[in-house]
């Protein structure tokens, strides 16, 4: 019986690991993919009980838990892209290519962590492409028109025509649970039982 609706974006590997460490069976939690263009409406309207957020979100009226994991940084490139053969890529190299702009209502300060406006050496990163859906993003990247700074876990959902390369000179994304104030008992119990995880 489903007791909890847990929102996530991208790969479901980390959400499943969080559920396991909290001691819940898979059938006790419904994993719900949320749209990164409007990430918080499902939580605010009760369609989600709790959600996984990455990076340093500080949305007004929401509560954020302690970090449960980190997601290393990566860049998506097409299989035929000049960077595709590398073992790792510097964010300075990414500045040579078009990237994606902030999707929808995702907070601007969070997108600045995902796709920094400038590199550590001060080179601007061009945000030339609108980010709509993951499928469309992957299509644009596979075609070689743009690259995308993201997190390593996206490799779980990337198609064969897209390479996922580590970006070691960007800090990893912190991963935490986010919920409304004064959550019901079942959410409080889940939050209390959750602990840092290393996904399999």
N, C-alpha and C. Protein backbone atom coordinates (compact mmCIF):
# COMPACT_ATOMS: atom_id res chain seq x y z
N UNK A 1 0.84 -1.20 0.00
CA UNK A 1 0.00 0.00 0.00
C UNK A 1 0.87 1.25 0.00
N UNK A 2 0.59 2.19 -0.92
CA UNK A 2 1.38 3.41 -1.01
C UNK A 2 1.11 4.32 0.18
N UNK A 3 2.16 4.71 0.87
CA UNK A 3 2.04 5.61 2.01
C UNK A 3 2.57 7.00 1.72
N UNK A 4 3.42 7.12 0.69
CA UNK A 4 4.15 8.36 0.47
C UNK A 4 4.36 8.58 -1.02
N UNK A 5 4.22 9.83 -1.46
CA UNK A 5 4.52 10.19 -2.85
C UNK A 5 5.79 11.03 -2.84
N UNK A 6 6.85 10.48 -3.44
CA UNK A 6 8.17 11.09 -3.43
C UNK A 6 8.50 11.61 -4.82
N UNK A 7 8.69 12.92 -4.94
CA UNK A 7 9.01 13.54 -6.22
C UNK A 7 10.50 13.51 -6.51
N UNK A 8 10.85 13.32 -7.79
CA UNK A 8 12.25 13.32 -8.20
C UNK A 8 12.32 13.78 -9.65
N UNK A 9 13.53 14.08 -10.10
CA UNK A 9 13.75 14.46 -11.50
C UNK A 9 14.97 13.72 -12.01
N UNK A 10 14.86 13.13 -13.20
CA UNK A 10 15.99 12.42 -13.79
C UNK A 10 15.98 10.95 -13.45
N UNK A 11 17.12 10.43 -13.00
CA UNK A 11 17.27 9.02 -12.68
C UNK A 11 16.50 8.67 -11.41
N UNK A 12 15.94 7.45 -11.36
CA UNK A 12 15.24 7.01 -10.15
C UNK A 12 16.13 6.18 -9.23
N UNK A 13 17.41 6.05 -9.56
CA UNK A 13 18.30 5.22 -8.75
C UNK A 13 18.49 5.80 -7.34
N UNK A 14 18.75 7.09 -7.26
CA UNK A 14 18.93 7.72 -5.96
C UNK A 14 17.65 7.72 -5.13
N UNK A 15 16.49 8.08 -5.69
CA UNK A 15 15.25 7.97 -4.90
C UNK A 15 15.03 6.57 -4.34
N UNK A 16 15.29 5.55 -5.13
CA UNK A 16 15.11 4.18 -4.65
C UNK A 16 16.08 3.87 -3.50
N UNK A 17 17.30 4.40 -3.59
CA UNK A 17 18.27 4.19 -2.51
C UNK A 17 17.82 4.90 -1.24
N UNK A 18 17.27 6.09 -1.36
CA UNK A 18 16.78 6.82 -0.20
C UNK A 18 15.63 6.07 0.46
N UNK A 19 14.74 5.53 -0.35
CA UNK A 19 13.61 4.76 0.18
C UNK A 19 14.13 3.53 0.93
N UNK A 20 15.13 2.84 0.36
CA UNK A 20 15.68 1.65 1.02
C UNK A 20 16.29 2.00 2.37
N UNK A 21 17.08 3.08 2.41
CA UNK A 21 17.74 3.42 3.67
C UNK A 21 16.73 3.86 4.73
N UNK A 22 15.57 4.35 4.29
CA UNK A 22 14.52 4.74 5.25
C UNK A 22 13.73 3.54 5.74
N UNK A 23 14.03 2.34 5.19
CA UNK A 23 13.38 1.13 5.66
C UNK A 23 12.01 0.88 5.09
N UNK A 24 11.67 1.55 3.98
CA UNK A 24 10.36 1.36 3.36
C UNK A 24 10.47 0.41 2.17
N UNK A 25 9.43 -0.37 1.97
CA UNK A 25 9.37 -1.24 0.81
C UNK A 25 8.98 -0.43 -0.43
N UNK A 26 9.39 -0.88 -1.62
CA UNK A 26 9.05 -0.12 -2.84
C UNK A 26 7.56 0.15 -3.00
N UNK A 27 6.70 -0.79 -2.56
CA UNK A 27 5.26 -0.58 -2.74
C UNK A 27 4.67 0.39 -1.73
N UNK A 28 5.48 0.86 -0.79
CA UNK A 28 5.01 1.84 0.18
C UNK A 28 5.24 3.28 -0.28
N UNK A 29 6.00 3.45 -1.36
CA UNK A 29 6.34 4.79 -1.86
C UNK A 29 6.06 4.85 -3.35
N UNK A 30 5.35 5.87 -3.77
CA UNK A 30 5.15 6.14 -5.19
C UNK A 30 6.17 7.17 -5.63
N UNK A 31 7.03 6.79 -6.58
CA UNK A 31 8.00 7.72 -7.13
C UNK A 31 7.34 8.49 -8.27
N UNK A 32 7.36 9.82 -8.16
CA UNK A 32 6.67 10.68 -9.12
C UNK A 32 7.68 11.63 -9.75
N UNK A 33 7.83 11.55 -11.07
CA UNK A 33 8.74 12.45 -11.78
C UNK A 33 8.11 13.84 -11.87
N UNK A 34 8.83 14.86 -11.42
CA UNK A 34 8.30 16.22 -11.53
C UNK A 34 8.99 16.97 -12.67
N UNK A 35 8.33 17.99 -13.16
CA UNK A 35 8.82 18.79 -14.27
C UNK A 35 9.74 19.87 -13.73
N UNK A 36 10.99 19.88 -14.17
CA UNK A 36 11.96 20.85 -13.65
C UNK A 36 11.57 22.29 -14.00
N UNK A 37 10.69 22.46 -14.99
CA UNK A 37 10.23 23.82 -15.33
C UNK A 37 9.28 24.39 -14.29
N UNK A 38 8.66 23.54 -13.50
CA UNK A 38 7.71 23.96 -12.46
C UNK A 38 7.86 22.99 -11.29
N UNK A 39 9.00 23.04 -10.61
CA UNK A 39 9.32 21.95 -9.69
C UNK A 39 8.50 21.92 -8.41
N UNK A 40 8.03 23.07 -7.92
CA UNK A 40 7.47 23.11 -6.57
C UNK A 40 5.94 23.07 -6.50
N UNK A 41 5.26 23.30 -7.61
CA UNK A 41 3.80 23.29 -7.59
C UNK A 41 3.23 21.96 -7.12
N UNK A 42 3.75 20.80 -7.57
CA UNK A 42 3.19 19.53 -7.08
C UNK A 42 3.28 19.38 -5.56
N UNK A 43 4.35 19.89 -4.97
CA UNK A 43 4.49 19.81 -3.51
C UNK A 43 3.52 20.77 -2.83
N UNK A 44 3.44 21.99 -3.34
CA UNK A 44 2.58 23.00 -2.72
C UNK A 44 1.10 22.64 -2.83
N UNK A 45 0.72 21.92 -3.87
CA UNK A 45 -0.70 21.59 -4.08
C UNK A 45 -1.08 20.21 -3.54
N UNK A 46 -0.12 19.52 -2.92
CA UNK A 46 -0.44 18.23 -2.31
C UNK A 46 -0.34 17.03 -3.22
N UNK A 47 0.15 17.21 -4.46
CA UNK A 47 0.32 16.05 -5.34
C UNK A 47 1.57 15.25 -4.97
N UNK A 48 2.47 15.89 -4.21
CA UNK A 48 3.63 15.21 -3.65
C UNK A 48 3.64 15.41 -2.14
N UNK A 49 4.18 14.44 -1.41
CA UNK A 49 4.35 14.57 0.03
C UNK A 49 5.72 15.14 0.37
N UNK A 50 6.70 14.77 -0.41
CA UNK A 50 8.08 15.21 -0.21
C UNK A 50 8.78 15.09 -1.55
N UNK A 51 9.84 15.84 -1.77
CA UNK A 51 10.53 15.78 -3.05
C UNK A 51 12.05 15.83 -2.83
N UNK A 52 12.76 15.28 -3.79
CA UNK A 52 14.21 15.35 -3.79
C UNK A 52 14.62 16.58 -4.60
N UNK A 53 15.43 17.43 -4.00
CA UNK A 53 15.99 18.56 -4.72
C UNK A 53 17.51 18.46 -4.70
N UNK A 54 18.12 19.06 -5.69
CA UNK A 54 19.58 19.08 -5.80
C UNK A 54 20.05 20.52 -5.91
N UNK A 55 21.27 20.76 -5.51
CA UNK A 55 21.86 22.09 -5.42
C UNK A 55 21.28 22.84 -4.22
N UNK A 56 21.56 24.12 -4.12
CA UNK A 56 21.25 24.86 -2.90
C UNK A 56 19.92 25.59 -3.03
N UNK A 57 18.84 24.85 -3.14
CA UNK A 57 17.50 25.45 -3.19
C UNK A 57 17.18 26.13 -1.87
N UNK A 58 16.53 27.28 -1.95
CA UNK A 58 16.04 27.97 -0.75
C UNK A 58 14.71 28.64 -1.09
N UNK A 59 13.79 27.84 -1.59
CA UNK A 59 12.48 28.35 -2.01
C UNK A 59 11.68 28.79 -0.78
N UNK A 60 11.12 30.01 -0.80
CA UNK A 60 10.35 30.48 0.36
C UNK A 60 9.19 29.54 0.70
N UNK A 61 8.98 29.31 2.00
CA UNK A 61 7.86 28.51 2.45
C UNK A 61 8.08 27.02 2.42
N UNK A 62 9.28 26.57 2.05
CA UNK A 62 9.59 25.15 2.03
C UNK A 62 10.71 24.85 3.02
N UNK A 63 10.79 23.59 3.43
CA UNK A 63 11.80 23.17 4.40
C UNK A 63 12.76 22.18 3.72
N UNK A 64 14.03 22.32 4.05
CA UNK A 64 15.07 21.51 3.41
C UNK A 64 15.81 20.70 4.46
N UNK A 65 15.99 19.41 4.18
CA UNK A 65 16.70 18.54 5.10
C UNK A 65 18.21 18.60 4.90
N UNK A 66 18.91 17.88 5.76
CA UNK A 66 20.37 17.78 5.64
C UNK A 66 20.73 17.01 4.37
N UNK A 67 21.90 17.23 3.82
CA UNK A 67 22.30 16.49 2.62
C UNK A 67 22.30 14.98 2.85
N UNK A 68 21.70 14.25 1.91
CA UNK A 68 21.67 12.79 1.98
C UNK A 68 22.69 12.16 1.03
N UNK A 69 23.13 12.93 0.05
CA UNK A 69 24.08 12.41 -0.94
C UNK A 69 24.62 13.60 -1.72
N UNK A 70 25.59 13.33 -2.56
CA UNK A 70 26.04 14.31 -3.54
C UNK A 70 25.98 13.66 -4.91
N UNK A 71 25.74 14.47 -5.92
CA UNK A 71 25.70 13.99 -7.29
C UNK A 71 26.82 14.71 -8.05
N UNK A 72 27.87 14.00 -8.46
CA UNK A 72 29.00 14.66 -9.14
C UNK A 72 28.54 15.36 -10.41
N UNK A 73 29.33 16.33 -10.83
CA UNK A 73 28.98 17.12 -12.00
C UNK A 73 29.44 16.43 -13.29
N UNK A 74 28.71 16.70 -14.35
CA UNK A 74 28.99 16.08 -15.64
C UNK A 74 28.52 17.02 -16.75
N UNK A 75 28.91 16.70 -17.96
CA UNK A 75 28.43 17.42 -19.13
C UNK A 75 27.94 16.40 -20.15
N UNK A 76 26.82 16.70 -20.77
CA UNK A 76 26.29 15.88 -21.86
C UNK A 76 26.79 16.43 -23.18
N UNK A 77 27.32 15.55 -24.01
CA UNK A 77 27.75 15.93 -25.36
C UNK A 77 27.30 14.86 -26.33
N UNK A 78 27.12 15.22 -27.58
CA UNK A 78 26.77 14.24 -28.59
C UNK A 78 27.93 13.28 -28.84
N UNK A 79 27.61 12.09 -29.30
CA UNK A 79 28.64 11.08 -29.54
C UNK A 79 29.68 11.52 -30.56
N UNK A 80 29.30 12.43 -31.47
CA UNK A 80 30.23 12.93 -32.47
C UNK A 80 30.85 14.26 -32.12
N UNK A 81 30.63 14.74 -30.92
CA UNK A 81 31.12 16.05 -30.50
C UNK A 81 32.64 16.03 -30.29
N UNK A 82 33.33 17.16 -30.51
CA UNK A 82 34.79 17.19 -30.28
C UNK A 82 35.24 16.78 -28.88
N UNK A 83 34.37 16.95 -27.86
CA UNK A 83 34.73 16.59 -26.49
C UNK A 83 34.43 15.12 -26.16
N UNK A 84 33.73 14.44 -27.05
CA UNK A 84 33.15 13.13 -26.70
C UNK A 84 34.19 12.07 -26.36
N UNK A 85 35.39 12.18 -26.88
CA UNK A 85 36.41 11.16 -26.65
C UNK A 85 37.21 11.35 -25.37
N UNK A 86 36.94 12.40 -24.64
CA UNK A 86 37.73 12.68 -23.43
C UNK A 86 37.23 11.86 -22.24
N UNK A 87 38.14 11.62 -21.31
CA UNK A 87 37.76 10.92 -20.08
C UNK A 87 37.06 11.86 -19.11
N UNK A 88 37.39 13.16 -19.18
CA UNK A 88 36.78 14.19 -18.33
C UNK A 88 36.91 15.52 -19.06
N UNK A 89 36.10 16.48 -18.64
CA UNK A 89 36.05 17.78 -19.31
C UNK A 89 36.09 18.88 -18.26
N UNK A 90 36.88 19.91 -18.51
CA UNK A 90 36.87 21.09 -17.64
C UNK A 90 35.71 22.00 -18.01
N UNK A 91 35.17 22.69 -17.01
CA UNK A 91 34.13 23.67 -17.30
C UNK A 91 34.67 24.77 -18.21
N UNK A 92 35.97 25.00 -18.19
CA UNK A 92 36.56 25.99 -19.10
C UNK A 92 36.39 25.55 -20.55
N UNK A 93 36.46 24.25 -20.81
CA UNK A 93 36.25 23.73 -22.17
C UNK A 93 34.80 23.88 -22.58
N UNK A 94 33.88 23.72 -21.62
CA UNK A 94 32.45 23.82 -21.92
C UNK A 94 32.11 25.21 -22.46
N UNK A 95 32.84 26.23 -22.00
CA UNK A 95 32.57 27.62 -22.42
C UNK A 95 32.76 27.83 -23.92
N UNK A 96 33.36 26.88 -24.60
CA UNK A 96 33.53 26.99 -26.05
C UNK A 96 32.22 26.71 -26.79
N UNK A 97 31.22 26.15 -26.10
CA UNK A 97 30.04 25.63 -26.79
C UNK A 97 28.74 26.19 -26.19
N UNK A 98 27.70 26.19 -26.99
CA UNK A 98 26.38 26.64 -26.53
C UNK A 98 25.83 25.68 -25.48
N UNK A 99 25.18 26.25 -24.47
CA UNK A 99 24.53 25.48 -23.41
C UNK A 99 23.04 25.84 -23.35
N UNK A 100 22.38 25.44 -22.27
CA UNK A 100 20.94 25.64 -22.13
C UNK A 100 20.63 26.70 -21.08
N UNK A 101 19.54 27.42 -21.33
CA UNK A 101 19.08 28.45 -20.42
C UNK A 101 18.16 27.85 -19.37
N UNK A 102 17.87 28.65 -18.34
CA UNK A 102 17.05 28.22 -17.21
C UNK A 102 15.67 27.77 -17.66
N UNK A 103 15.22 26.60 -17.20
CA UNK A 103 13.89 26.12 -17.58
C UNK A 103 12.79 26.71 -16.70
N UNK A 104 11.79 27.29 -17.33
CA UNK A 104 10.56 27.71 -16.65
C UNK A 104 10.77 28.50 -15.39
N UNK A 105 10.18 28.00 -14.29
CA UNK A 105 10.20 28.69 -13.00
C UNK A 105 11.30 28.18 -12.06
N UNK A 106 12.22 27.41 -12.55
CA UNK A 106 13.33 27.00 -11.70
C UNK A 106 14.06 28.25 -11.22
N UNK A 107 14.34 28.37 -9.92
CA UNK A 107 14.97 29.60 -9.41
C UNK A 107 16.28 29.92 -10.13
N UNK A 108 16.45 31.20 -10.47
CA UNK A 108 17.63 31.63 -11.23
C UNK A 108 18.92 31.32 -10.49
N UNK A 109 18.91 31.48 -9.15
CA UNK A 109 20.15 31.23 -8.40
C UNK A 109 20.54 29.76 -8.42
N UNK A 110 19.55 28.89 -8.54
CA UNK A 110 19.84 27.46 -8.64
C UNK A 110 20.42 27.14 -10.02
N UNK A 111 19.83 27.73 -11.06
CA UNK A 111 20.37 27.50 -12.40
C UNK A 111 21.80 28.01 -12.53
N UNK A 112 22.14 29.07 -11.79
CA UNK A 112 23.51 29.56 -11.81
C UNK A 112 24.48 28.54 -11.22
N UNK A 113 24.00 27.64 -10.37
CA UNK A 113 24.83 26.54 -9.90
C UNK A 113 24.92 25.43 -10.94
N UNK A 114 23.80 25.17 -11.61
CA UNK A 114 23.77 24.11 -12.62
C UNK A 114 24.63 24.51 -13.82
N UNK A 115 24.34 25.69 -14.37
CA UNK A 115 25.08 26.22 -15.52
C UNK A 115 25.62 27.59 -15.11
N UNK A 116 26.83 27.64 -14.56
CA UNK A 116 27.36 28.94 -14.10
C UNK A 116 27.39 29.96 -15.23
N UNK A 117 27.06 31.22 -14.93
CA UNK A 117 27.11 32.23 -15.99
C UNK A 117 28.52 32.47 -16.52
N UNK A 118 29.52 32.24 -15.65
CA UNK A 118 30.92 32.37 -16.08
C UNK A 118 31.71 31.22 -15.45
N UNK A 119 32.83 30.89 -16.06
CA UNK A 119 33.72 29.87 -15.52
C UNK A 119 34.58 30.48 -14.42
N UNK A 120 35.29 29.64 -13.65
CA UNK A 120 36.19 30.18 -12.63
C UNK A 120 37.23 31.16 -13.18
N UNK A 121 37.59 31.03 -14.45
CA UNK A 121 38.54 31.96 -15.07
C UNK A 121 37.86 33.16 -15.72
N UNK A 122 36.54 33.25 -15.55
CA UNK A 122 35.83 34.42 -16.04
C UNK A 122 35.31 34.33 -17.46
N UNK A 123 35.33 33.16 -18.05
CA UNK A 123 34.81 33.01 -19.42
C UNK A 123 33.30 32.85 -19.36
N UNK A 124 32.54 33.61 -20.13
CA UNK A 124 31.08 33.46 -20.12
C UNK A 124 30.65 32.13 -20.71
N UNK A 125 29.61 31.56 -20.13
CA UNK A 125 28.99 30.34 -20.66
C UNK A 125 27.70 30.75 -21.34
N UNK A 126 27.60 30.45 -22.62
CA UNK A 126 26.45 30.89 -23.42
C UNK A 126 25.25 29.98 -23.16
N UNK A 127 24.14 30.60 -22.78
CA UNK A 127 22.89 29.85 -22.55
C UNK A 127 21.97 30.13 -23.74
N UNK A 128 22.27 29.47 -24.84
CA UNK A 128 21.61 29.80 -26.11
C UNK A 128 20.33 29.02 -26.37
N UNK A 129 20.15 27.88 -25.70
CA UNK A 129 19.03 27.00 -26.02
C UNK A 129 18.03 26.95 -24.87
N UNK A 130 16.76 26.97 -25.20
CA UNK A 130 15.71 26.83 -24.20
C UNK A 130 15.64 25.38 -23.74
N UNK A 131 15.56 25.16 -22.44
CA UNK A 131 15.40 23.82 -21.92
C UNK A 131 13.91 23.58 -21.68
N UNK A 132 13.37 22.62 -22.41
CA UNK A 132 11.94 22.30 -22.28
C UNK A 132 11.79 20.93 -21.61
N UNK A 133 11.94 19.87 -22.37
CA UNK A 133 11.84 18.52 -21.81
C UNK A 133 13.20 17.82 -21.89
N UNK A 134 13.36 16.78 -21.09
CA UNK A 134 14.60 16.01 -21.13
C UNK A 134 14.78 15.37 -22.50
N UNK A 135 13.70 14.89 -23.09
CA UNK A 135 13.80 14.26 -24.41
C UNK A 135 14.29 15.25 -25.46
N UNK A 136 13.77 16.48 -25.42
CA UNK A 136 14.20 17.49 -26.40
C UNK A 136 15.63 17.91 -26.14
N UNK A 137 16.01 18.04 -24.87
CA UNK A 137 17.40 18.37 -24.54
C UNK A 137 18.34 17.31 -25.12
N UNK A 138 18.00 16.05 -24.91
CA UNK A 138 18.85 14.97 -25.41
C UNK A 138 18.93 15.00 -26.94
N UNK A 139 17.83 15.35 -27.59
CA UNK A 139 17.84 15.43 -29.06
C UNK A 139 18.80 16.51 -29.53
N UNK A 140 18.75 17.68 -28.90
CA UNK A 140 19.62 18.80 -29.28
C UNK A 140 21.08 18.44 -29.02
N UNK A 141 21.35 17.83 -27.88
CA UNK A 141 22.73 17.44 -27.56
C UNK A 141 23.22 16.37 -28.52
N UNK A 142 22.41 15.36 -28.79
CA UNK A 142 22.81 14.29 -29.70
C UNK A 142 23.13 14.83 -31.09
N UNK A 143 22.42 15.89 -31.49
CA UNK A 143 22.66 16.49 -32.81
C UNK A 143 23.92 17.34 -32.84
N UNK A 144 24.52 17.59 -31.68
CA UNK A 144 25.74 18.37 -31.64
C UNK A 144 25.54 19.87 -31.58
N UNK A 145 24.28 20.32 -31.44
CA UNK A 145 24.00 21.76 -31.45
C UNK A 145 24.37 22.42 -30.13
N UNK A 146 24.36 21.67 -29.02
CA UNK A 146 24.65 22.23 -27.70
C UNK A 146 25.21 21.13 -26.82
N UNK A 147 25.78 21.57 -25.68
CA UNK A 147 26.17 20.66 -24.62
C UNK A 147 25.38 21.06 -23.38
N UNK A 148 25.37 20.20 -22.37
CA UNK A 148 24.57 20.52 -21.17
C UNK A 148 25.32 20.15 -19.91
N UNK A 149 25.58 21.16 -19.07
CA UNK A 149 26.14 20.92 -17.74
C UNK A 149 25.04 20.38 -16.84
N UNK A 150 25.33 19.30 -16.13
CA UNK A 150 24.30 18.64 -15.35
C UNK A 150 24.95 17.83 -14.24
N UNK A 151 24.31 16.73 -13.83
CA UNK A 151 24.84 15.85 -12.79
C UNK A 151 25.06 14.46 -13.38
N UNK A 152 25.96 13.72 -12.74
CA UNK A 152 26.39 12.43 -13.30
C UNK A 152 25.28 11.41 -13.37
N UNK A 153 24.29 11.50 -12.45
CA UNK A 153 23.23 10.49 -12.43
C UNK A 153 22.37 10.50 -13.69
N UNK A 154 22.45 11.58 -14.48
CA UNK A 154 21.67 11.65 -15.72
C UNK A 154 22.10 10.54 -16.69
N UNK A 155 23.26 9.95 -16.45
CA UNK A 155 23.72 8.86 -17.32
C UNK A 155 22.72 7.71 -17.36
N UNK A 156 21.93 7.56 -16.29
CA UNK A 156 20.96 6.47 -16.25
C UNK A 156 19.85 6.62 -17.28
N UNK A 157 19.61 7.85 -17.74
CA UNK A 157 18.51 8.09 -18.68
C UNK A 157 19.00 8.67 -20.01
N UNK A 158 20.31 8.75 -20.20
CA UNK A 158 20.86 9.30 -21.45
C UNK A 158 20.80 8.25 -22.56
N UNK A 159 20.42 8.64 -23.78
CA UNK A 159 20.39 7.69 -24.90
C UNK A 159 21.81 7.39 -25.40
N UNK A 160 21.96 6.33 -26.20
CA UNK A 160 23.29 5.94 -26.69
C UNK A 160 24.01 7.04 -27.49
N UNK A 161 23.26 7.94 -28.11
CA UNK A 161 23.87 8.99 -28.93
C UNK A 161 24.42 10.14 -28.10
N UNK A 162 24.32 10.06 -26.77
CA UNK A 162 24.80 11.12 -25.88
C UNK A 162 25.84 10.54 -24.93
N UNK A 163 26.95 11.24 -24.79
CA UNK A 163 28.00 10.86 -23.85
C UNK A 163 27.86 11.70 -22.58
N UNK A 164 28.13 11.08 -21.43
CA UNK A 164 28.08 11.77 -20.14
C UNK A 164 29.50 11.77 -19.58
N UNK A 165 30.12 12.95 -19.51
CA UNK A 165 31.53 13.07 -19.14
C UNK A 165 31.68 13.81 -17.82
N UNK A 166 32.54 13.36 -16.93
CA UNK A 166 32.74 14.06 -15.66
C UNK A 166 33.29 15.47 -15.87
N UNK A 167 32.87 16.38 -14.98
CA UNK A 167 33.40 17.75 -14.94
C UNK A 167 33.96 17.95 -13.53
N UNK A 168 35.22 17.57 -13.31
CA UNK A 168 35.76 17.54 -11.95
C UNK A 168 36.02 18.90 -11.33
N UNK A 169 36.04 19.97 -12.14
CA UNK A 169 36.31 21.28 -11.56
C UNK A 169 35.05 22.07 -11.21
N UNK A 170 33.89 21.41 -11.17
CA UNK A 170 32.68 21.98 -10.59
C UNK A 170 32.32 21.18 -9.35
N UNK A 171 31.87 21.83 -8.28
CA UNK A 171 31.51 21.09 -7.06
C UNK A 171 30.28 20.23 -7.30
N UNK A 172 30.20 19.08 -6.63
CA UNK A 172 29.03 18.22 -6.80
C UNK A 172 27.77 18.88 -6.26
N UNK A 173 26.63 18.41 -6.74
CA UNK A 173 25.34 18.92 -6.27
C UNK A 173 24.96 18.22 -4.98
N UNK A 174 24.55 19.00 -3.98
CA UNK A 174 24.03 18.39 -2.76
C UNK A 174 22.62 17.90 -3.02
N UNK A 175 22.25 16.80 -2.40
CA UNK A 175 20.94 16.18 -2.59
C UNK A 175 20.23 16.17 -1.23
N UNK A 176 19.01 16.69 -1.19
CA UNK A 176 18.27 16.74 0.06
C UNK A 176 16.79 16.50 -0.18
N UNK A 177 16.08 16.22 0.91
CA UNK A 177 14.62 16.10 0.86
C UNK A 177 14.01 17.45 1.19
N UNK A 178 12.95 17.79 0.47
CA UNK A 178 12.27 19.08 0.63
C UNK A 178 10.79 18.81 0.88
N UNK A 179 10.22 19.56 1.80
CA UNK A 179 8.83 19.31 2.19
C UNK A 179 8.18 20.60 2.68
N UNK A 180 6.88 20.55 2.87
CA UNK A 180 6.15 21.68 3.43
C UNK A 180 6.35 21.75 4.94
N UNK A 181 6.16 22.93 5.54
CA UNK A 181 6.21 23.00 7.00
C UNK A 181 5.09 22.16 7.62
N UNK A 182 5.33 21.69 8.83
CA UNK A 182 4.35 20.90 9.58
C UNK A 182 3.80 19.74 8.77
N UNK A 183 4.66 18.86 8.29
CA UNK A 183 4.19 17.74 7.47
C UNK A 183 3.41 16.74 8.31
N UNK A 184 2.59 15.91 7.66
CA UNK A 184 1.86 14.87 8.39
C UNK A 184 2.83 13.83 8.96
N UNK A 185 2.29 12.99 9.83
CA UNK A 185 3.13 12.02 10.56
C UNK A 185 3.90 11.10 9.63
N UNK A 186 3.27 10.65 8.53
CA UNK A 186 3.96 9.70 7.65
C UNK A 186 5.18 10.35 7.00
N UNK A 187 5.09 11.67 6.71
CA UNK A 187 6.23 12.38 6.15
C UNK A 187 7.29 12.60 7.21
N UNK A 188 6.88 12.95 8.42
CA UNK A 188 7.84 13.12 9.52
C UNK A 188 8.62 11.82 9.76
N UNK A 189 7.93 10.70 9.71
CA UNK A 189 8.58 9.41 9.94
C UNK A 189 9.60 9.12 8.84
N UNK A 190 9.23 9.42 7.60
CA UNK A 190 10.15 9.20 6.48
C UNK A 190 11.37 10.09 6.61
N UNK A 191 11.16 11.35 6.94
CA UNK A 191 12.29 12.28 7.10
C UNK A 191 13.22 11.81 8.21
N UNK A 192 12.64 11.37 9.32
CA UNK A 192 13.44 10.93 10.46
C UNK A 192 14.24 9.67 10.15
N UNK A 193 13.66 8.81 9.31
CA UNK A 193 14.32 7.53 8.99
C UNK A 193 15.35 7.66 7.87
N UNK A 194 15.31 8.76 7.12
CA UNK A 194 16.22 8.93 5.99
C UNK A 194 17.64 9.23 6.50
N UNK A 195 18.61 8.66 5.83
CA UNK A 195 20.00 8.88 6.23
C UNK A 195 20.86 8.93 4.96
N UNK A 196 22.09 9.43 5.08
CA UNK A 196 22.94 9.52 3.88
C UNK A 196 23.08 8.19 3.17
N UNK A 197 23.08 8.26 1.85
CA UNK A 197 23.11 7.04 1.05
C UNK A 197 24.23 7.12 0.02
N UNK A 198 24.68 5.96 -0.38
CA UNK A 198 25.56 5.82 -1.54
C UNK A 198 24.83 4.90 -2.50
N UNK A 199 24.22 5.45 -3.57
CA UNK A 199 23.41 4.60 -4.46
C UNK A 199 24.25 3.49 -5.09
N UNK A 200 23.60 2.35 -5.25
CA UNK A 200 24.28 1.20 -5.86
C UNK A 200 24.50 1.45 -7.35
